[in-house]
C-alpha atoms as a PDB file:
ATOM      1  CA  UNK A   1      -8.423  23.208 -23.561  1.00  0.00           C
ATOM      2  CA  UNK A   2      -9.108  21.127 -20.493  1.00  0.00           C
ATOM      3  CA  UNK A   3     -11.280  17.945 -21.786  1.00  0.00           C
ATOM      4  CA  UNK A   4     -14.170  16.996 -20.135  1.00  0.00           C
ATOM      5  CA  UNK A   5     -13.653  15.117 -16.941  1.00  0.00           C
ATOM      6  CA  UNK A   6     -10.415  16.735 -16.338  1.00  0.00           C
ATOM      7  CA  UNK A   7     -11.571  18.578 -13.499  1.00  0.00           C
ATOM      8  CA  UNK A   8     -12.595  15.337 -11.397  1.00  0.00           C
ATOM      9  CA  UNK A   9     -10.197  13.884  -9.181  1.00  0.00           C
ATOM     10  CA  UNK A  10      -8.758  10.178  -8.590  1.00  0.00           C
ATOM     11  CA  UNK A  11      -9.255   9.476  -5.013  1.00  0.00           C
ATOM     12  CA  UNK A  12      -6.450   6.933  -3.661  1.00  0.00           C
ATOM     13  CA  UNK A  13      -6.799   5.310  -0.383  1.00  0.00           C
ATOM     14  CA  UNK A  14      -3.606   3.726   1.320  1.00  0.00           C
ATOM     15  CA  UNK A  15      -2.591   2.389   4.341  1.00  0.00           C
ATOM     16  CA  UNK A  16       0.204   3.552   6.815  1.00  0.00           C
ATOM     17  CA  UNK A  17       3.576   2.106   5.713  1.00  0.00           C
ATOM     18  CA  UNK A  18       3.022   2.024   2.021  1.00  0.00           C
ATOM     19  CA  UNK A  19       4.594   4.930   0.186  1.00  0.00           C
ATOM     20  CA  UNK A  20       2.669   5.862  -2.956  1.00  0.00           C
ATOM     21  CA  UNK A  21       4.912   8.971  -3.974  1.00  0.00           C
ATOM     22  CA  UNK A  22       6.256   7.143  -7.186  1.00  0.00           C
ATOM     23  CA  UNK A  23       2.747   6.484  -8.312  1.00  0.00           C
ATOM     24  CA  UNK A  24       1.737   9.738  -7.795  1.00  0.00           C
ATOM     25  CA  UNK A  25       4.583  11.410  -9.509  1.00  0.00           C
ATOM     26  CA  UNK A  26       3.831   9.314 -12.603  1.00  0.00           C
ATOM     27  CA  UNK A  27       0.002  10.116 -12.461  1.00  0.00           C
ATOM     28  CA  UNK A  28       0.906  13.922 -12.201  1.00  0.00           C
ATOM     29  CA  UNK A  29       3.153  13.343 -15.503  1.00  0.00           C
ATOM     30  CA  UNK A  30       0.458  11.488 -17.381  1.00  0.00           C
ATOM     31  CA  UNK A  31      -2.683  13.287 -16.229  1.00  0.00           C
ATOM     32  CA  UNK A  32      -1.751  16.939 -15.297  1.00  0.00           C
ATOM     33  CA  UNK A  33      -5.300  18.223 -15.134  1.00  0.00           C
ATOM     34  CA  UNK A  34      -6.392  15.464 -12.916  1.00  0.00           C
ATOM     35  CA  UNK A  35      -5.144  15.864  -9.286  1.00  0.00           C
ATOM     36  CA  UNK A  36      -4.796  12.476  -7.383  1.00  0.00           C
ATOM     37  CA  UNK A  37      -5.946  12.771  -3.837  1.00  0.00           C
ATOM     38  CA  UNK A  38      -4.541  10.537  -0.987  1.00  0.00           C
ATOM     39  CA  UNK A  39      -6.466   9.410   2.002  1.00  0.00           C
ATOM     40  CA  UNK A  40      -4.643   7.791   4.780  1.00  0.00           C
ATOM     41  CA  UNK A  41      -6.606   4.600   6.147  1.00  0.00           C
ATOM     42  CA  UNK A  42      -6.771   1.551   7.866  1.00  0.00           C
ATOM     43  CA  UNK A  43      -7.253  -1.697   5.619  1.00  0.00           C
ATOM     44  CA  UNK A  44     -10.861  -2.008   7.259  1.00  0.00           C
ATOM     45  CA  UNK A  45     -11.539   1.723   6.828  1.00  0.00           C
ATOM     46  CA  UNK A  46     -10.244   1.717   3.238  1.00  0.00           C
ATOM     47  CA  UNK A  47     -12.305  -1.161   2.117  1.00  0.00           C
ATOM     48  CA  UNK A  48     -15.351   0.535   3.406  1.00  0.00           C
ATOM     49  CA  UNK A  49     -14.353   4.011   1.444  1.00  0.00           C
ATOM     50  CA  UNK A  50     -14.126   2.146  -1.662  1.00  0.00           C
ATOM     51  CA  UNK A  51     -17.650   0.382  -1.260  1.00  0.00           C
ATOM     52  CA  UNK A  52     -19.126   3.813  -0.365  1.00  0.00           C
ATOM     53  CA  UNK A  53     -17.488   5.627  -3.364  1.00  0.00           C
ATOM     54  CA  UNK A  54     -15.463   7.797  -0.871  1.00  0.00           C
ATOM     55  CA  UNK A  55     -12.503   6.760  -2.724  1.00  0.00           C
ATOM     56  CA  UNK A  56     -11.948   5.392  -6.289  1.00  0.00           C
ATOM     57  CA  UNK A  57      -9.232   2.646  -5.037  1.00  0.00           C
ATOM     58  CA  UNK A  58      -6.882   1.859  -2.206  1.00  0.00           C
ATOM     59  CA  UNK A  59      -3.802   0.161  -1.610  1.00  0.00           C
ATOM     60  CA  UNK A  60      -4.396  -2.275   1.089  1.00  0.00           C
ATOM     61  CA  UNK A  61      -2.765  -5.029   3.268  1.00  0.00           C
ATOM     62  CA  UNK A  62      -4.124  -8.416   2.298  1.00  0.00           C
ATOM     63  CA  UNK A  63      -6.209 -10.646   2.782  1.00  0.00           C
ATOM     64  CA  UNK A  64      -9.445  -8.660   2.825  1.00  0.00           C
ATOM     65  CA  UNK A  65     -13.149  -9.784   1.995  1.00  0.00           C
ATOM     66  CA  UNK A  66     -13.037  -9.213  -1.733  1.00  0.00           C
ATOM     67  CA  UNK A  67     -17.006  -9.377  -1.945  1.00  0.00           C
ATOM     68  CA  UNK A  68     -17.595  -6.653  -4.418  1.00  0.00           C
ATOM     69  CA  UNK A  69     -13.996  -5.582  -5.139  1.00  0.00           C
ATOM     70  CA  UNK A  70     -11.301  -5.985  -7.592  1.00  0.00           C
ATOM     71  CA  UNK A  71      -7.887  -6.939  -6.288  1.00  0.00           C
ATOM     72  CA  UNK A  72      -4.537  -7.257  -7.814  1.00  0.00           C
ATOM     73  CA  UNK A  73      -1.584  -7.905  -5.726  1.00  0.00           C
ATOM     74  CA  UNK A  74       1.386  -5.753  -5.594  1.00  0.00           C
ATOM     75  CA  UNK A  75       4.126  -7.039  -3.376  1.00  0.00           C
ATOM     76  CA  UNK A  76       4.953  -8.889  -0.330  1.00  0.00           C
ATOM     77  CA  UNK A  77       6.679  -7.267   2.622  1.00  0.00           C
ATOM     78  CA  UNK A  78       9.169  -8.744   5.014  1.00  0.00           C
ATOM     79  CA  UNK A  79       7.898  -9.333   8.595  1.00  0.00           C
ATOM     80  CA  UNK A  80      10.252  -8.169  11.289  1.00  0.00           C
ATOM     81  CA  UNK A  81      10.477  -7.851  15.034  1.00  0.00           C
ATOM     82  CA  UNK A  82      11.342  -4.720  16.536  1.00  0.00           C
ATOM     83  CA  UNK A  83      13.480  -4.755  19.547  1.00  0.00           C
ATOM     84  CA  UNK A  84      15.317  -2.396  21.687  1.00  0.00           C
ATOM     85  CA  UNK A  85      18.713  -1.608  20.474  1.00  0.00           C
ATOM     86  CA  UNK A  86      20.590  -3.695  23.295  1.00  0.00           C
ATOM     87  CA  UNK A  87      18.172  -6.575  22.715  1.00  0.00           C
ATOM     88  CA  UNK A  88      19.923 -10.269  22.097  1.00  0.00           C
ATOM     89  CA  UNK A  89      17.955 -10.727  18.991  1.00  0.00           C
ATOM     90  CA  UNK A  90      20.370  -7.634  17.280  1.00  0.00           C
ATOM     91  CA  UNK A  91      23.342 -10.061  17.553  1.00  0.00           C
ATOM     92  CA  UNK A  92      22.155 -11.807  14.444  1.00  0.00           C
ATOM     93  CA  UNK A  93      21.447 -10.668  11.049  1.00  0.00           C
ATOM     94  CA  UNK A  94      17.716 -12.374  11.391  1.00  0.00           C
ATOM     95  CA  UNK A  95      15.896 -14.148  13.893  1.00  0.00           C
ATOM     96  CA  UNK A  96      13.095 -16.896  14.035  1.00  0.00           C
ATOM     97  CA  UNK A  97       9.586 -17.313  15.804  1.00  0.00           C
ATOM     98  CA  UNK A  98      11.265 -19.730  17.961  1.00  0.00           C
ATOM     99  CA  UNK A  99      13.733 -17.133  19.238  1.00  0.00           C
ATOM    100  CA  UNK A 100      10.993 -14.899  20.334  1.00  0.00           C
ATOM    101  CA  UNK A 101       9.266 -18.103  22.421  1.00  0.00           C
ATOM    102  CA  UNK A 102       9.981 -16.744  25.879  1.00  0.00           C
ATOM    103  CA  UNK A 103       9.538 -12.957  24.721  1.00  0.00           C
ATOM    104  CA  UNK A 104       6.278 -10.733  25.618  1.00  0.00           C
ATOM    105  CA  UNK A 105       5.238  -9.659  21.879  1.00  0.00           C
ATOM    106  CA  UNK A 106       2.733  -6.913  21.709  1.00  0.00           C
ATOM    107  CA  UNK A 107      -0.236  -7.329  19.298  1.00  0.00           C
ATOM    108  CA  UNK A 108      -1.982  -3.743  19.026  1.00  0.00           C
ATOM    109  CA  UNK A 109      -5.650  -3.756  17.982  1.00  0.00           C
ATOM    110  CA  UNK A 110      -4.740  -2.401  14.455  1.00  0.00           C
ATOM    111  CA  UNK A 111      -2.335  -5.424  13.869  1.00  0.00           C
ATOM    112  CA  UNK A 112      -2.112  -6.090   9.966  1.00  0.00           C
ATOM    113  CA  UNK A 113      -0.420  -9.455   9.955  1.00  0.00           C
ATOM    114  CA  UNK A 114      -2.102 -12.776   9.454  1.00  0.00           C
ATOM    115  CA  UNK A 115      -0.791 -15.915  11.349  1.00  0.00           C
ATOM    116  CA  UNK A 116      -1.703 -19.279   9.797  1.00  0.00           C
ATOM    117  CA  UNK A 117      -1.055 -20.569  13.323  1.00  0.00           C
ATOM    118  CA  UNK A 118      -0.002 -19.741  16.974  1.00  0.00           C
ATOM    119  CA  UNK A 119       1.508 -15.921  17.102  1.00  0.00           C
ATOM    120  CA  UNK A 120       5.304 -15.889  18.171  1.00  0.00           C
ATOM    121  CA  UNK A 121       6.279 -15.100  22.065  1.00  0.00           C
ATOM    122  CA  UNK A 122       3.875 -14.751  24.983  1.00  0.00           C
ATOM    123  CA  UNK A 123       0.853 -12.755  24.712  1.00  0.00           C
ATOM    124  CA  UNK A 124       1.003  -9.350  26.581  1.00  0.00           C
ATOM    125  CA  UNK A 125      -1.405  -8.679  29.497  1.00  0.00           C
ATOM    126  CA  UNK A 126      -3.217  -5.968  27.252  1.00  0.00           C
ATOM    127  CA  UNK A 127      -3.381  -4.992  23.446  1.00  0.00           C
ATOM    128  CA  UNK A 128      -1.959  -1.382  22.690  1.00  0.00           C
ATOM    129  CA  UNK A 129      -4.589   0.584  20.707  1.00  0.00           C
ATOM    130  CA  UNK A 130      -2.302   1.576  17.759  1.00  0.00           C
ATOM    131  CA  UNK A 131       1.119   0.131  16.164  1.00  0.00           C
ATOM    132  CA  UNK A 132       2.333   3.683  17.332  1.00  0.00           C
ATOM    133  CA  UNK A 133       1.663   2.932  20.916  1.00  0.00           C
ATOM    134  CA  UNK A 134       3.118  -0.511  20.705  1.00  0.00           C
ATOM    135  CA  UNK A 135       6.271   1.018  19.428  1.00  0.00           C
ATOM    136  CA  UNK A 136       6.260   3.210  22.600  1.00  0.00           C
ATOM    137  CA  UNK A 137       5.772   0.450  25.098  1.00  0.00           C
ATOM    138  CA  UNK A 138       8.807  -1.658  23.135  1.00  0.00           C
ATOM    139  CA  UNK A 139      10.982   1.371  23.978  1.00  0.00           C
ATOM    140  CA  UNK A 140      10.000   1.616  27.542  1.00  0.00           C
ATOM    141  CA  UNK A 141      11.007  -2.446  27.555  1.00  0.00           C
ATOM    142  CA  UNK A 142       7.484  -3.569  27.899  1.00  0.00           C
ATOM    143  CA  UNK A 143       7.812  -6.131  25.077  1.00  0.00           C
ATOM    144  CA  UNK A 144       8.520  -6.770  21.337  1.00  0.00           C
ATOM    145  CA  UNK A 145       6.593  -6.156  18.422  1.00  0.00           C
ATOM    146  CA  UNK A 146       6.243  -8.156  15.029  1.00  0.00           C
ATOM    147  CA  UNK A 147       5.169  -5.908  12.111  1.00  0.00           C
ATOM    148  CA  UNK A 148       5.615  -5.414   8.155  1.00  0.00           C
ATOM    149  CA  UNK A 149       9.031  -4.114   7.718  1.00  0.00           C
ATOM    150  CA  UNK A 150       7.364  -0.502   6.127  1.00  0.00           C
ATOM    151  CA  UNK A 151       5.860   0.075   9.558  1.00  0.00           C
ATOM    152  CA  UNK A 152       8.855  -0.724  11.407  1.00  0.00           C
ATOM    153  CA  UNK A 153      10.496   2.030   9.296  1.00  0.00           C
ATOM    154  CA  UNK A 154       7.761   4.479   9.644  1.00  0.00           C
ATOM    155  CA  UNK A 155       7.978   4.376  13.474  1.00  0.00           C
ATOM    156  CA  UNK A 156      11.526   4.609  13.277  1.00  0.00           C
ATOM    157  CA  UNK A 157      13.283   5.491  16.816  1.00  0.00           C
ATOM    158  CA  UNK A 158      16.817   5.831  17.361  1.00  0.00           C
ATOM    159  CA  UNK A 159      16.784   3.215  20.553  1.00  0.00           C
ATOM    160  CA  UNK A 160      14.876   0.661  18.741  1.00  0.00           C
ATOM    161  CA  UNK A 161      16.001  -1.476  15.501  1.00  0.00           C
ATOM    162  CA  UNK A 162      14.554  -4.257  14.099  1.00  0.00           C
ATOM    163  CA  UNK A 163      15.285  -7.635  12.668  1.00  0.00           C
ATOM    164  CA  UNK A 164      13.547  -9.904   9.841  1.00  0.00           C
ATOM    165  CA  UNK A 165      11.722 -12.748  11.246  1.00  0.00           C
ATOM    166  CA  UNK A 166      12.918 -15.440   8.757  1.00  0.00           C
ATOM    167  CA  UNK A 167       9.988 -17.727   9.276  1.00  0.00           C
ATOM    168  CA  UNK A 168       7.053 -15.709   9.685  1.00  0.00           C
ATOM    169  CA  UNK A 169       4.430 -14.970   6.940  1.00  0.00           C
ATOM    170  CA  UNK A 170       5.063 -11.953   4.929  1.00  0.00           C
ATOM    171  CA  UNK A 171       2.566  -9.264   4.685  1.00  0.00           C
ATOM    172  CA  UNK A 172       0.923  -8.886   1.142  1.00  0.00           C
ATOM    173  CA  UNK A 173      -0.011  -5.577  -0.099  1.00  0.00           C
ATOM    174  CA  UNK A 174      -2.488  -5.076  -3.087  1.00  0.00           C
ATOM    175  CA  UNK A 175      -4.571  -2.623  -5.054  1.00  0.00           C
ATOM    176  CA  UNK A 176      -8.487  -2.897  -4.387  1.00  0.00           C
ATOM    177  CA  UNK A 177     -11.354  -0.973  -6.346  1.00  0.00           C
ATOM    178  CA  UNK A 178     -15.107  -1.538  -7.174  1.00  0.00           C
ATOM    179  CA  UNK A 179     -15.905  -4.564  -9.019  1.00  0.00           C
ATOM    180  CA  UNK A 180     -17.559  -2.564 -11.720  1.00  0.00           C
ATOM    181  CA  UNK A 181     -16.667  -1.418 -15.353  1.00  0.00           C
ATOM    182  CA  UNK A 182     -13.323   0.159 -15.113  1.00  0.00           C
ATOM    183  CA  UNK A 183     -13.154   3.872 -15.939  1.00  0.00           C
ATOM    184  CA  UNK A 184     -10.401   5.520 -17.908  1.00  0.00           C
ATOM    185  CA  UNK A 185      -8.762   6.898 -14.931  1.00  0.00           C
ATOM    186  CA  UNK A 186      -9.045   3.634 -12.999  1.00  0.00           C
ATOM    187  CA  UNK A 187      -7.328   1.723 -16.184  1.00  0.00           C
ATOM    188  CA  UNK A 188      -4.466   4.581 -16.043  1.00  0.00           C
ATOM    189  CA  UNK A 189      -4.085   3.879 -12.485  1.00  0.00           C
ATOM    190  CA  UNK A 190      -3.746   0.318 -12.778  1.00  0.00           C
ATOM    191  CA  UNK A 191      -1.259   0.489 -15.611  1.00  0.00           C
ATOM    192  CA  UNK A 192       0.830   2.715 -13.539  1.00  0.00           C
ATOM    193  CA  UNK A 193       1.266   0.666 -10.365  1.00  0.00           C
ATOM    194  CA  UNK A 194       1.511  -2.462 -12.968  1.00  0.00           C
ATOM    195  CA  UNK A 195       4.504  -0.615 -14.462  1.00  0.00           C
ATOM    196  CA  UNK A 196       3.019  -0.247 -17.986  1.00  0.00           C
ATOM    197  CA  UNK A 197       4.630   2.679 -19.836  1.00  0.00           C
ATOM    198  CA  UNK A 198       2.915   5.570 -21.537  1.00  0.00           C
ATOM    199  CA  UNK A 199       3.556   3.846 -24.848  1.00  0.00           C
ATOM    200  CA  UNK A 200       1.982   0.398 -23.861  1.00  0.00           C
ATOM    201  CA  UNK A 201      -0.942  -0.750 -26.180  1.00  0.00           C
ATOM    202  CA  UNK A 202      -3.147  -0.873 -22.708  1.00  0.00           C
ATOM    203  CA  UNK A 203      -2.468   2.538 -21.764  1.00  0.00           C
ATOM    204  CA  UNK A 204      -5.410   4.761 -22.285  1.00  0.00           C
ATOM    205  CA  UNK A 205      -4.516   7.246 -24.835  1.00  0.00           C
ATOM    206  CA  UNK A 206      -6.005  10.601 -24.769  1.00  0.00           C
ATOM    207  CA  UNK A 207      -5.434  11.772 -28.253  1.00  0.00           C
ATOM    208  CA  UNK A 208      -6.805   8.901 -30.023  1.00  0.00           C
ATOM    209  CA  UNK A 209      -3.569   7.872 -31.598  1.00  0.00           C
ATOM    210  CA  UNK A 210      -2.634   3.837 -31.513  1.00  0.00           C
ATOM    211  CA  UNK A 211       0.277   2.835 -29.115  1.00  0.00           C
ATOM    212  CA  UNK A 212       3.634   2.041 -30.791  1.00  0.00           C
ATOM    213  CA  UNK A 213       3.500  -1.380 -32.532  1.00  0.00           C
ATOM    214  CA  UNK A 214      -0.433  -1.215 -33.353  1.00  0.00           C
ATOM    215  CA  UNK A 215      -2.010  -0.079 -36.216  1.00  0.00           C
ATOM    216  CA  UNK A 216      -4.956   2.511 -36.513  1.00  0.00           C
ATOM    217  CA  UNK A 217      -8.132   1.588 -38.426  1.00  0.00           C
ATOM    218  CA  UNK A 218      -7.988   2.379 -41.769  1.00  0.00           C
ATOM    219  CA  UNK A 219     -10.491   2.694 -44.829  1.00  0.00           C
ATOM    220  CA  UNK A 220     -10.013  -0.106 -47.309  1.00  0.00           C
ATOM    221  CA  UNK A 221      -8.105   1.296 -50.059  1.00  0.00           C
ATOM    222  CA  UNK A 222      -9.691   1.015 -53.663  1.00  0.00           C
ATOM    223  CA  UNK A 223      -8.262  -1.797 -56.001  1.00  0.00           C
ATOM    224  CA  UNK A 224      -5.699  -0.559 -58.488  1.00  0.00           C
ATOM    225  CA  UNK A 225      -5.398  -2.237 -61.599  1.00  0.00           C
ATOM    226  CA  UNK A 226      -2.087  -3.354 -62.371  1.00  0.00           C
ATOM    227  CA  UNK A 227      -0.094  -0.973 -64.756  1.00  0.00           C
ATOM    228  CA  UNK A 228      -0.126  -2.100 -68.613  1.00  0.00           C
ATOM    229  CA  UNK A 229       2.417  -4.010 -69.681  1.00  0.00           C
ATOM    230  CA  UNK A 230       4.559  -2.075 -72.487  1.00  0.00           C
ATOM    231  CA  UNK A 231       5.793  -4.197 -75.392  1.00  0.00           C
ATOM    232  CA  UNK A 232       8.820  -3.489 -77.300  1.00  0.00           C
ATOM    233  CA  UNK A 233       8.673  -2.067 -80.843  1.00  0.00           C
ATOM    234  CA  UNK A 234      11.251  -2.754 -83.499  1.00  0.00           C
ATOM    235  CA  UNK A 235      12.057  -0.305 -86.212  1.00  0.00           C
END
């Protein structure tokens, strides 16, 4: 029988480059009667979707405005420079910001990287609308592009490659959800992204049984008298 609430879906927003497939598989194993619906969005869009209740949580690129939100960091991505395959920076395994000083570096309008100081290279005459458009311009020889590694992989082309930018800031990825009392489904998903096993004491258990290593509440057993001591009899 389906339990109350099992017909509801858990809606998860996620930004391009993030691959939630592993979490979706684990969710399906633990909550087979509750579909997990994925919604692709930019970080700004995902934050707005959380605040309006359109999604239950979202995997976003940090930093964000945390007003009214809970957030936990998940991991940090390497920042890379996307270049044509024959570009000079491909001669080494990684490059640096200084190596790009004389290069035109495109900055798309959906750029996700937060730079504490000056950005690498020379600014382009215009800002492409999207990362996908910027990738096309790199392929056309207009300039280079600096992005989190997952976006370089997402927009892979045979005529382009990328190199880690050793001294660039990384791109933090985190989970955000409303700053309110967590639902059981929210606790379940937090446990999944944090790597808790199904037997973890913090993983919600739907059958009411305690997790291994914990004891269920028991009624106080009645006090029993110690058995009477038998004496020895001589004949």
